[in-house]
PDB file of all heavy atoms in Angstrom:
ATOM      1  N   ILE A   1     -52.557  22.623 -19.239  1.00  0.00           N
ATOM      2  CA  ILE A   1     -52.097  21.310 -18.836  1.00  0.00           C
ATOM      3  C   ILE A   1     -50.824  20.973 -19.603  1.00  0.00           C
ATOM      4  O   ILE A   1     -50.641  21.296 -20.754  1.00  0.00           O
ATOM      5  CB  ILE A   1     -53.184  20.238 -19.099  1.00  0.00           C
ATOM      6  CG1 ILE A   1     -52.774  18.885 -18.525  1.00  0.00           C
ATOM      7  CG2 ILE A   1     -53.518  20.095 -20.577  1.00  0.00           C
ATOM      8  CD1 ILE A   1     -53.877  17.808 -18.542  1.00  0.00           C
ATOM      9  N   SER A   2     -49.878  20.326 -18.881  1.00  0.00           N
ATOM     10  CA  SER A   2     -48.631  19.943 -19.505  1.00  0.00           C
ATOM     11  C   SER A   2     -48.142  18.675 -18.809  1.00  0.00           C
ATOM     12  O   SER A   2     -48.649  18.262 -17.763  1.00  0.00           O
ATOM     13  CB  SER A   2     -47.591  21.077 -19.410  1.00  0.00           C
ATOM     14  OG  SER A   2     -47.300  21.355 -18.052  1.00  0.00           O
ATOM     15  N   ARG A   3     -47.089  18.087 -19.411  1.00  0.00           N
ATOM     16  CA  ARG A   3     -46.541  16.901 -18.829  1.00  0.00           C
ATOM     17  C   ARG A   3     -45.036  16.835 -19.014  1.00  0.00           C
ATOM     18  O   ARG A   3     -44.500  17.385 -19.966  1.00  0.00           O
ATOM     19  CB  ARG A   3     -47.179  15.674 -19.519  1.00  0.00           C
ATOM     20  CG  ARG A   3     -46.866  15.506 -20.976  1.00  0.00           C
ATOM     21  CD  ARG A   3     -47.873  14.556 -21.667  1.00  0.00           C
ATOM     22  NE  ARG A   3     -47.881  13.242 -21.061  1.00  0.00           N
ATOM     23  CZ  ARG A   3     -48.877  12.342 -21.176  1.00  0.00           C
ATOM     24  NH1 ARG A   3     -49.957  12.663 -21.852  1.00  0.00           N
ATOM     25  NH2 ARG A   3     -48.785  11.187 -20.582  1.00  0.00           N
ATOM     26  N   ASP A   4     -44.377  16.193 -18.083  1.00  0.00           N
ATOM     27  CA  ASP A   4     -42.983  15.938 -18.106  1.00  0.00           C
ATOM     28  C   ASP A   4     -42.804  14.447 -17.921  1.00  0.00           C
ATOM     29  O   ASP A   4     -42.793  13.942 -16.790  1.00  0.00           O
ATOM     30  CB  ASP A   4     -42.191  16.716 -17.017  1.00  0.00           C
ATOM     31  CG  ASP A   4     -40.707  16.618 -17.183  1.00  0.00           C
ATOM     32  OD1 ASP A   4     -40.258  15.596 -17.785  1.00  0.00           O
ATOM     33  OD2 ASP A   4     -39.986  17.468 -16.709  1.00  0.00           O
ATOM     34  N   ASN A   5     -42.756  13.700 -19.027  1.00  0.00           N
ATOM     35  CA  ASN A   5     -42.684  12.283 -18.950  1.00  0.00           C
ATOM     36  C   ASN A   5     -41.465  11.732 -18.223  1.00  0.00           C
ATOM     37  O   ASN A   5     -41.532  10.717 -17.567  1.00  0.00           O
ATOM     38  CB  ASN A   5     -42.776  11.695 -20.365  1.00  0.00           C
ATOM     39  CG  ASN A   5     -44.127  11.965 -21.006  1.00  0.00           C
ATOM     40  OD1 ASN A   5     -45.159  12.083 -20.359  1.00  0.00           O
ATOM     41  ND2 ASN A   5     -44.146  12.039 -22.314  1.00  0.00           N
ATOM     42  N   ALA A   6     -40.368  12.448 -18.376  1.00  0.00           N
ATOM     43  CA  ALA A   6     -39.152  12.020 -17.698  1.00  0.00           C
ATOM     44  C   ALA A   6     -39.291  12.052 -16.169  1.00  0.00           C
ATOM     45  O   ALA A   6     -38.627  11.292 -15.480  1.00  0.00           O
ATOM     46  CB  ALA A   6     -37.963  12.870 -18.111  1.00  0.00           C
ATOM     47  N   LYS A   7     -40.141  12.950 -15.677  1.00  0.00           N
ATOM     48  CA  LYS A   7     -40.399  13.032 -14.281  1.00  0.00           C
ATOM     49  C   LYS A   7     -41.705  12.357 -13.815  1.00  0.00           C
ATOM     50  O   LYS A   7     -42.072  12.438 -12.678  1.00  0.00           O
ATOM     51  CB  LYS A   7     -40.428  14.525 -13.821  1.00  0.00           C
ATOM     52  CG  LYS A   7     -39.129  15.284 -14.028  1.00  0.00           C
ATOM     53  CD  LYS A   7     -39.302  16.716 -13.567  1.00  0.00           C
ATOM     54  CE  LYS A   7     -37.956  17.443 -13.706  1.00  0.00           C
ATOM     55  NZ  LYS A   7     -38.065  18.865 -13.255  1.00  0.00           N
ATOM     56  N   ASN A   8     -42.352  11.753 -14.767  1.00  0.00           N
ATOM     57  CA  ASN A   8     -43.645  11.072 -14.547  1.00  0.00           C
ATOM     58  C   ASN A   8     -44.612  12.029 -13.805  1.00  0.00           C
ATOM     59  O   ASN A   8     -45.301  11.648 -12.815  1.00  0.00           O
ATOM     60  CB  ASN A   8     -43.438   9.826 -13.673  1.00  0.00           C
ATOM     61  CG  ASN A   8     -43.149   8.573 -14.497  1.00  0.00           C
ATOM     62  OD1 ASN A   8     -43.362   8.552 -15.681  1.00  0.00           O
ATOM     63  ND2 ASN A   8     -42.649   7.588 -13.850  1.00  0.00           N
ATOM     64  N   THR A   9     -44.705  13.215 -14.331  1.00  0.00           N
ATOM     65  CA  THR A   9     -45.524  14.260 -13.653  1.00  0.00           C
ATOM     66  C   THR A   9     -46.363  15.005 -14.729  1.00  0.00           C
ATOM     67  O   THR A   9     -45.892  15.336 -15.776  1.00  0.00           O
ATOM     68  CB  THR A   9     -44.644  15.233 -12.887  1.00  0.00           C
ATOM     69  OG1 THR A   9     -43.883  14.531 -11.953  1.00  0.00           O
ATOM     70  CG2 THR A   9     -45.456  16.264 -12.215  1.00  0.00           C
ATOM     71  N   VAL A  10     -47.622  15.265 -14.323  1.00  0.00           N
ATOM     72  CA  VAL A  10     -48.533  16.088 -15.110  1.00  0.00           C
ATOM     73  C   VAL A  10     -48.803  17.361 -14.276  1.00  0.00           C
ATOM     74  O   VAL A  10     -48.945  17.301 -13.066  1.00  0.00           O
ATOM     75  CB  VAL A  10     -49.814  15.318 -15.439  1.00  0.00           C
ATOM     76  CG1 VAL A  10     -50.767  16.243 -16.218  1.00  0.00           C
ATOM     77  CG2 VAL A  10     -49.505  14.112 -16.239  1.00  0.00           C
ATOM     78  N   TYR A  11     -48.893  18.491 -14.971  1.00  0.00           N
ATOM     79  CA  TYR A  11     -49.084  19.773 -14.306  1.00  0.00           C
ATOM     80  C   TYR A  11     -50.389  20.419 -14.780  1.00  0.00           C
ATOM     81  O   TYR A  11     -50.812  20.201 -15.882  1.00  0.00           O
ATOM     82  CB  TYR A  11     -47.917  20.729 -14.565  1.00  0.00           C
ATOM     83  CG  TYR A  11     -46.558  20.195 -14.169  1.00  0.00           C
ATOM     84  CD1 TYR A  11     -45.746  19.594 -15.132  1.00  0.00           C
ATOM     85  CD2 TYR A  11     -46.139  20.264 -12.834  1.00  0.00           C
ATOM     86  CE1 TYR A  11     -44.522  19.096 -14.757  1.00  0.00           C
ATOM     87  CE2 TYR A  11     -44.895  19.780 -12.473  1.00  0.00           C
ATOM     88  CZ  TYR A  11     -44.085  19.168 -13.447  1.00  0.00           C
ATOM     89  OH  TYR A  11     -42.848  18.703 -13.096  1.00  0.00           O
ATOM     90  N   LEU A  12     -50.916  21.241 -13.932  1.00  0.00           N
ATOM     91  CA  LEU A  12     -52.003  22.126 -14.329  1.00  0.00           C
ATOM     92  C   LEU A  12     -51.655  23.504 -13.772  1.00  0.00           C
ATOM     93  O   LEU A  12     -51.703  23.770 -12.581  1.00  0.00           O
ATOM     94  CB  LEU A  12     -53.343  21.682 -13.732  1.00  0.00           C
ATOM     95  CG  LEU A  12     -54.535  22.493 -14.172  1.00  0.00           C
ATOM     96  CD1 LEU A  12     -54.834  22.289 -15.649  1.00  0.00           C
ATOM     97  CD2 LEU A  12     -55.810  22.087 -13.353  1.00  0.00           C
ATOM     98  N   GLN A  13     -51.298  24.375 -14.704  1.00  0.00           N
ATOM     99  CA  GLN A  13     -51.028  25.768 -14.343  1.00  0.00           C
ATOM    100  C   GLN A  13     -52.330  26.529 -14.406  1.00  0.00           C
ATOM    101  O   GLN A  13     -52.968  26.578 -15.417  1.00  0.00           O
ATOM    102  CB  GLN A  13     -49.996  26.399 -15.335  1.00  0.00           C
ATOM    103  CG  GLN A  13     -49.692  27.844 -15.092  1.00  0.00           C
ATOM    104  CD  GLN A  13     -48.976  28.103 -13.765  1.00  0.00           C
ATOM    105  OE1 GLN A  13     -47.981  27.369 -13.477  1.00  0.00           O
ATOM    106  NE2 GLN A  13     -49.407  29.050 -12.978  1.00  0.00           N
ATOM    107  N   MET A  14     -52.660  27.161 -13.268  1.00  0.00           N
ATOM    108  CA  MET A  14     -53.914  27.880 -13.152  1.00  0.00           C
ATOM    109  C   MET A  14     -53.634  29.319 -12.893  1.00  0.00           C
ATOM    110  O   MET A  14     -53.042  29.712 -11.851  1.00  0.00           O
ATOM    111  CB  MET A  14     -54.803  27.262 -11.996  1.00  0.00           C
ATOM    112  CG  MET A  14     -55.022  25.796 -12.136  1.00  0.00           C
ATOM    113  SD  MET A  14     -56.133  25.115 -10.901  1.00  0.00           S
ATOM    114  CE  MET A  14     -55.205  25.448  -9.428  1.00  0.00           C
ATOM    115  N   ASN A  15     -54.048  30.206 -13.824  1.00  0.00           N
ATOM    116  CA  ASN A  15     -53.873  31.622 -13.712  1.00  0.00           C
ATOM    117  C   ASN A  15     -55.252  32.343 -13.630  1.00  0.00           C
ATOM    118  O   ASN A  15     -56.251  31.742 -14.000  1.00  0.00           O
ATOM    119  CB  ASN A  15     -53.076  32.145 -14.881  1.00  0.00           C
ATOM    120  CG  ASN A  15     -51.701  31.586 -14.973  1.00  0.00           C
ATOM    121  OD1 ASN A  15     -51.029  31.333 -13.989  1.00  0.00           O
ATOM    122  ND2 ASN A  15     -51.210  31.404 -16.196  1.00  0.00           N
ATOM    123  N   SER A  16     -55.217  33.552 -13.180  1.00  0.00           N
ATOM    124  CA  SER A  16     -56.423  34.362 -13.106  1.00  0.00           C
ATOM    125  C   SER A  16     -57.572  33.590 -12.411  1.00  0.00           C
ATOM    126  O   SER A  16     -58.681  33.574 -12.883  1.00  0.00           O
ATOM    127  CB  SER A  16     -56.883  34.801 -14.491  1.00  0.00           C
ATOM    128  OG  SER A  16     -55.844  35.575 -15.173  1.00  0.00           O
ATOM    129  N   LEU A  17     -57.228  33.011 -11.242  1.00  0.00           N
ATOM    130  CA  LEU A  17     -58.181  32.210 -10.548  1.00  0.00           C
ATOM    131  C   LEU A  17     -59.389  32.996 -10.079  1.00  0.00           C
ATOM    132  O   LEU A  17     -59.261  34.168  -9.682  1.00  0.00           O
ATOM    133  CB  LEU A  17     -57.539  31.514  -9.361  1.00  0.00           C
ATOM    134  CG  LEU A  17     -56.667  30.321  -9.786  1.00  0.00           C
ATOM    135  CD1 LEU A  17     -55.679  29.913  -8.693  1.00  0.00           C
ATOM    136  CD2 LEU A  17     -57.503  29.123 -10.120  1.00  0.00           C
ATOM    137  N   ARG A  18     -60.502  32.331 -10.078  1.00  0.00           N
ATOM    138  CA  ARG A  18     -61.789  32.945  -9.705  1.00  0.00           C
ATOM    139  C   ARG A  18     -62.412  32.125  -8.582  1.00  0.00           C
ATOM    140  O   ARG A  18     -62.136  30.902  -8.437  1.00  0.00           O
ATOM    141  CB  ARG A  18     -62.750  32.966 -10.870  1.00  0.00           C
ATOM    142  CG  ARG A  18     -62.244  33.654 -12.110  1.00  0.00           C
ATOM    143  CD  ARG A  18     -63.080  33.334 -13.321  1.00  0.00           C
ATOM    144  NE  ARG A  18     -62.588  33.948 -14.524  1.00  0.00           N
ATOM    145  CZ  ARG A  18     -63.071  33.725 -15.742  1.00  0.00           C
ATOM    146  NH1 ARG A  18     -64.025  32.790 -15.942  1.00  0.00           N
ATOM    147  NH2 ARG A  18     -62.523  34.381 -16.796  1.00  0.00           N
ATOM    148  N   PRO A  19     -63.283  32.690  -7.727  1.00  0.00           N
ATOM    149  CA  PRO A  19     -63.903  31.895  -6.669  1.00  0.00           C
ATOM    150  C   PRO A  19     -64.627  30.669  -7.218  1.00  0.00           C
ATOM    151  O   PRO A  19     -64.656  29.648  -6.522  1.00  0.00           O
ATOM    152  CB  PRO A  19     -64.902  32.922  -6.081  1.00  0.00           C
ATOM    153  CG  PRO A  19     -64.218  34.252  -6.266  1.00  0.00           C
ATOM    154  CD  PRO A  19     -63.580  34.142  -7.629  1.00  0.00           C
ATOM    155  N   GLU A  20     -65.171  30.727  -8.412  1.00  0.00           N
ATOM    156  CA  GLU A  20     -65.880  29.592  -9.005  1.00  0.00           C
ATOM    157  C   GLU A  20     -64.931  28.455  -9.329  1.00  0.00           C
ATOM    158  O   GLU A  20     -65.381  27.317  -9.637  1.00  0.00           O
ATOM    159  CB  GLU A  20     -66.607  30.034 -10.283  1.00  0.00           C
ATOM    160  CG  GLU A  20     -65.687  30.481 -11.382  1.00  0.00           C
ATOM    161  CD  GLU A  20     -66.367  31.328 -12.422  1.00  0.00           C
ATOM    162  OE1 GLU A  20     -66.839  32.430 -12.078  1.00  0.00           O
ATOM    163  OE2 GLU A  20     -66.481  30.878 -13.575  1.00  0.00           O
ATOM    164  N   ASP A  21     -63.627  28.664  -9.239  1.00  0.00           N
ATOM    165  CA  ASP A  21     -62.703  27.582  -9.464  1.00  0.00           C
ATOM    166  C   ASP A  21     -62.460  26.764  -8.187  1.00  0.00           C
ATOM    167  O   ASP A  21     -61.759  25.737  -8.244  1.00  0.00           O
ATOM    168  CB  ASP A  21     -61.320  28.145  -9.953  1.00  0.00           C
ATOM    169  CG  ASP A  21     -61.387  28.817 -11.282  1.00  0.00           C
ATOM    170  OD1 ASP A  21     -62.053  28.281 -12.152  1.00  0.00           O
ATOM    171  OD2 ASP A  21     -60.732  29.901 -11.442  1.00  0.00           O
ATOM    172  N   THR A  22     -63.031  27.176  -7.083  1.00  0.00           N
ATOM    173  CA  THR A  22     -62.859  26.476  -5.853  1.00  0.00           C
ATOM    174  C   THR A  22     -63.452  25.027  -5.960  1.00  0.00           C
ATOM    175  O   THR A  22     -64.613  24.873  -6.321  1.00  0.00           O
ATOM    176  CB  THR A  22     -63.571  27.213  -4.736  1.00  0.00           C
ATOM    177  OG1 THR A  22     -62.948  28.459  -4.523  1.00  0.00           O
ATOM    178  CG2 THR A  22     -63.562  26.402  -3.410  1.00  0.00           C
ATOM    179  N   ALA A  23     -62.623  24.047  -5.668  1.00  0.00           N
ATOM    180  CA  ALA A  23     -63.020  22.632  -5.842  1.00  0.00           C
ATOM    181  C   ALA A  23     -61.897  21.777  -5.384  1.00  0.00           C
ATOM    182  O   ALA A  23     -60.772  22.242  -5.108  1.00  0.00           O
ATOM    183  CB  ALA A  23     -63.380  22.345  -7.308  1.00  0.00           C
ATOM    184  N   VAL A  24     -62.137  20.482  -5.327  1.00  0.00           N
ATOM    185  CA  VAL A  24     -61.119  19.482  -5.159  1.00  0.00           C
ATOM    186  C   VAL A  24     -60.698  19.086  -6.575  1.00  0.00           C
ATOM    187  O   VAL A  24     -61.565  18.722  -7.389  1.00  0.00           O
ATOM    188  CB  VAL A  24     -61.572  18.244  -4.327  1.00  0.00           C
ATOM    189  CG1 VAL A  24     -60.454  17.226  -4.255  1.00  0.00           C
ATOM    190  CG2 VAL A  24     -61.979  18.699  -2.933  1.00  0.00           C
ATOM    191  N   TYR A  25     -59.428  19.120  -6.827  1.00  0.00           N
ATOM    192  CA  TYR A  25     -58.913  18.812  -8.180  1.00  0.00           C
ATOM    193  C   TYR A  25     -58.260  17.445  -8.146  1.00  0.00           C
ATOM    194  O   TYR A  25     -57.497  17.105  -7.257  1.00  0.00           O
ATOM    195  CB  TYR A  25     -57.880  19.842  -8.578  1.00  0.00           C
ATOM    196  CG  TYR A  25     -58.501  21.137  -9.044  1.00  0.00           C
ATOM    197  CD1 TYR A  25     -59.147  21.995  -8.140  1.00  0.00           C
ATOM    198  CD2 TYR A  25     -58.576  21.515 -10.405  1.00  0.00           C
ATOM    199  CE1 TYR A  25     -59.717  23.180  -8.515  1.00  0.00           C
ATOM    200  CE2 TYR A  25     -59.177  22.700 -10.804  1.00  0.00           C
ATOM    201  CZ  TYR A  25     -59.752  23.481  -9.844  1.00  0.00           C
ATOM    202  OH  TYR A  25     -60.393  24.671 -10.258  1.00  0.00           O
ATOM    203  N   TYR A  26     -58.606  16.611  -9.122  1.00  0.00           N
ATOM    204  CA  TYR A  26     -58.191  15.235  -9.263  1.00  0.00           C
ATOM    205  C   TYR A  26     -57.397  14.989 -10.511  1.00  0.00           C
ATOM    206  O   TYR A  26     -57.813  15.432 -11.600  1.00  0.00           O
ATOM    207  CB  TYR A  26     -59.368  14.291  -9.213  1.00  0.00           C
ATOM    208  CG  TYR A  26     -60.217  14.320  -7.966  1.00  0.00           C
ATOM    209  CD1 TYR A  26     -61.259  15.163  -7.864  1.00  0.00           C
ATOM    210  CD2 TYR A  26     -59.932  13.489  -6.896  1.00  0.00           C
ATOM    211  CE1 TYR A  26     -62.087  15.209  -6.748  1.00  0.00           C
ATOM    212  CE2 TYR A  26     -60.662  13.493  -5.756  1.00  0.00           C
ATOM    213  CZ  TYR A  26     -61.779  14.398  -5.714  1.00  0.00           C
ATOM    214  OH  TYR A  26     -62.541  14.416  -4.549  1.00  0.00           O
ATOM    215  N   CYS A  27     -56.322  14.246 -10.384  1.00  0.00           N
ATOM    216  CA  CYS A  27     -55.541  13.791 -11.541  1.00  0.00           C
ATOM    217  C   CYS A  27     -56.085  12.431 -11.982  1.00  0.00           C
ATOM    218  O   CYS A  27     -56.530  11.586 -11.132  1.00  0.00           O
ATOM    219  CB  CYS A  27     -54.087  13.693 -11.162  1.00  0.00           C
ATOM    220  SG  CYS A  27     -52.998  13.132 -12.493  1.00  0.00           S
ATOM    221  N   HIS A  28     -56.082  12.192 -13.297  1.00  0.00           N
ATOM    222  CA  HIS A  28     -56.666  10.936 -13.850  1.00  0.00           C
ATOM    223  C   HIS A  28     -55.844  10.459 -14.989  1.00  0.00           C
ATOM    224  O   HIS A  28     -55.432  11.187 -15.849  1.00  0.00           O
ATOM    225  CB  HIS A  28     -58.099  11.241 -14.285  1.00  0.00           C
ATOM    226  CG  HIS A  28     -58.773  10.082 -14.946  1.00  0.00           C
ATOM    227  ND1 HIS A  28     -59.084   8.938 -14.226  1.00  0.00           N
ATOM    228  CD2 HIS A  28     -59.244   9.895 -16.201  1.00  0.00           C
ATOM    229  CE1 HIS A  28     -59.690   8.035 -15.006  1.00  0.00           C
ATOM    230  NE2 HIS A  28     -59.810   8.629 -16.201  1.00  0.00           N
ATOM    231  N   ARG A  29     -55.537   9.141 -14.951  1.00  0.00           N
ATOM    232  CA  ARG A  29     -54.929   8.455 -16.135  1.00  0.00           C
ATOM    233  C   ARG A  29     -56.027   7.660 -16.747  1.00  0.00           C
ATOM    234  O   ARG A  29     -56.588   6.735 -16.149  1.00  0.00           O
ATOM    235  CB  ARG A  29     -53.777   7.590 -15.735  1.00  0.00           C
ATOM    236  CG  ARG A  29     -52.884   7.192 -16.914  1.00  0.00           C
ATOM    237  CD  ARG A  29     -51.752   6.208 -16.536  1.00  0.00           C
ATOM    238  NE  ARG A  29     -52.223   4.866 -16.722  1.00  0.00           N
ATOM    239  CZ  ARG A  29     -51.440   3.767 -16.596  1.00  0.00           C
ATOM    240  NH1 ARG A  29     -50.158   3.935 -16.304  1.00  0.00           N
ATOM    241  NH2 ARG A  29     -51.927   2.540 -16.767  1.00  0.00           N
ATOM    242  N   GLU A  30     -56.279   7.899 -18.030  1.00  0.00           N
ATOM    243  CA  GLU A  30     -57.393   7.246 -18.709  1.00  0.00           C
ATOM    244  C   GLU A  30     -57.138   5.731 -18.830  1.00  0.00           C
ATOM    245  O   GLU A  30     -58.066   4.959 -18.589  1.00  0.00           O
ATOM    246  CB  GLU A  30     -57.616   7.859 -20.084  1.00  0.00           C
ATOM    247  CG  GLU A  30     -58.155   9.249 -19.988  1.00  0.00           C
ATOM    248  CD  GLU A  30     -58.540   9.840 -21.347  1.00  0.00           C
ATOM    249  OE1 GLU A  30     -58.342   9.103 -22.347  1.00  0.00           O
ATOM    250  OE2 GLU A  30     -58.998  10.976 -21.390  1.00  0.00           O
ATOM    251  N   ALA A  31     -55.930   5.303 -19.221  1.00  0.00           N
ATOM    252  CA  ALA A  31     -55.640   3.857 -19.310  1.00  0.00           C
ATOM    253  C   ALA A  31     -55.616   3.336 -17.866  1.00  0.00           C
ATOM    254  O   ALA A  31     -54.827   3.688 -17.044  1.00  0.00           O
ATOM    255  CB  ALA A  31     -54.326   3.682 -19.968  1.00  0.00           C
TER     256      ALA A  31
END
């Protein structure tokens, strides 16, 4: 997980993906 605050963007780099990773992925701001 990483963030670029200047671009107001959060990233999730996913490598070596497995079938068990299949899902709907959601972004969340805690505040």
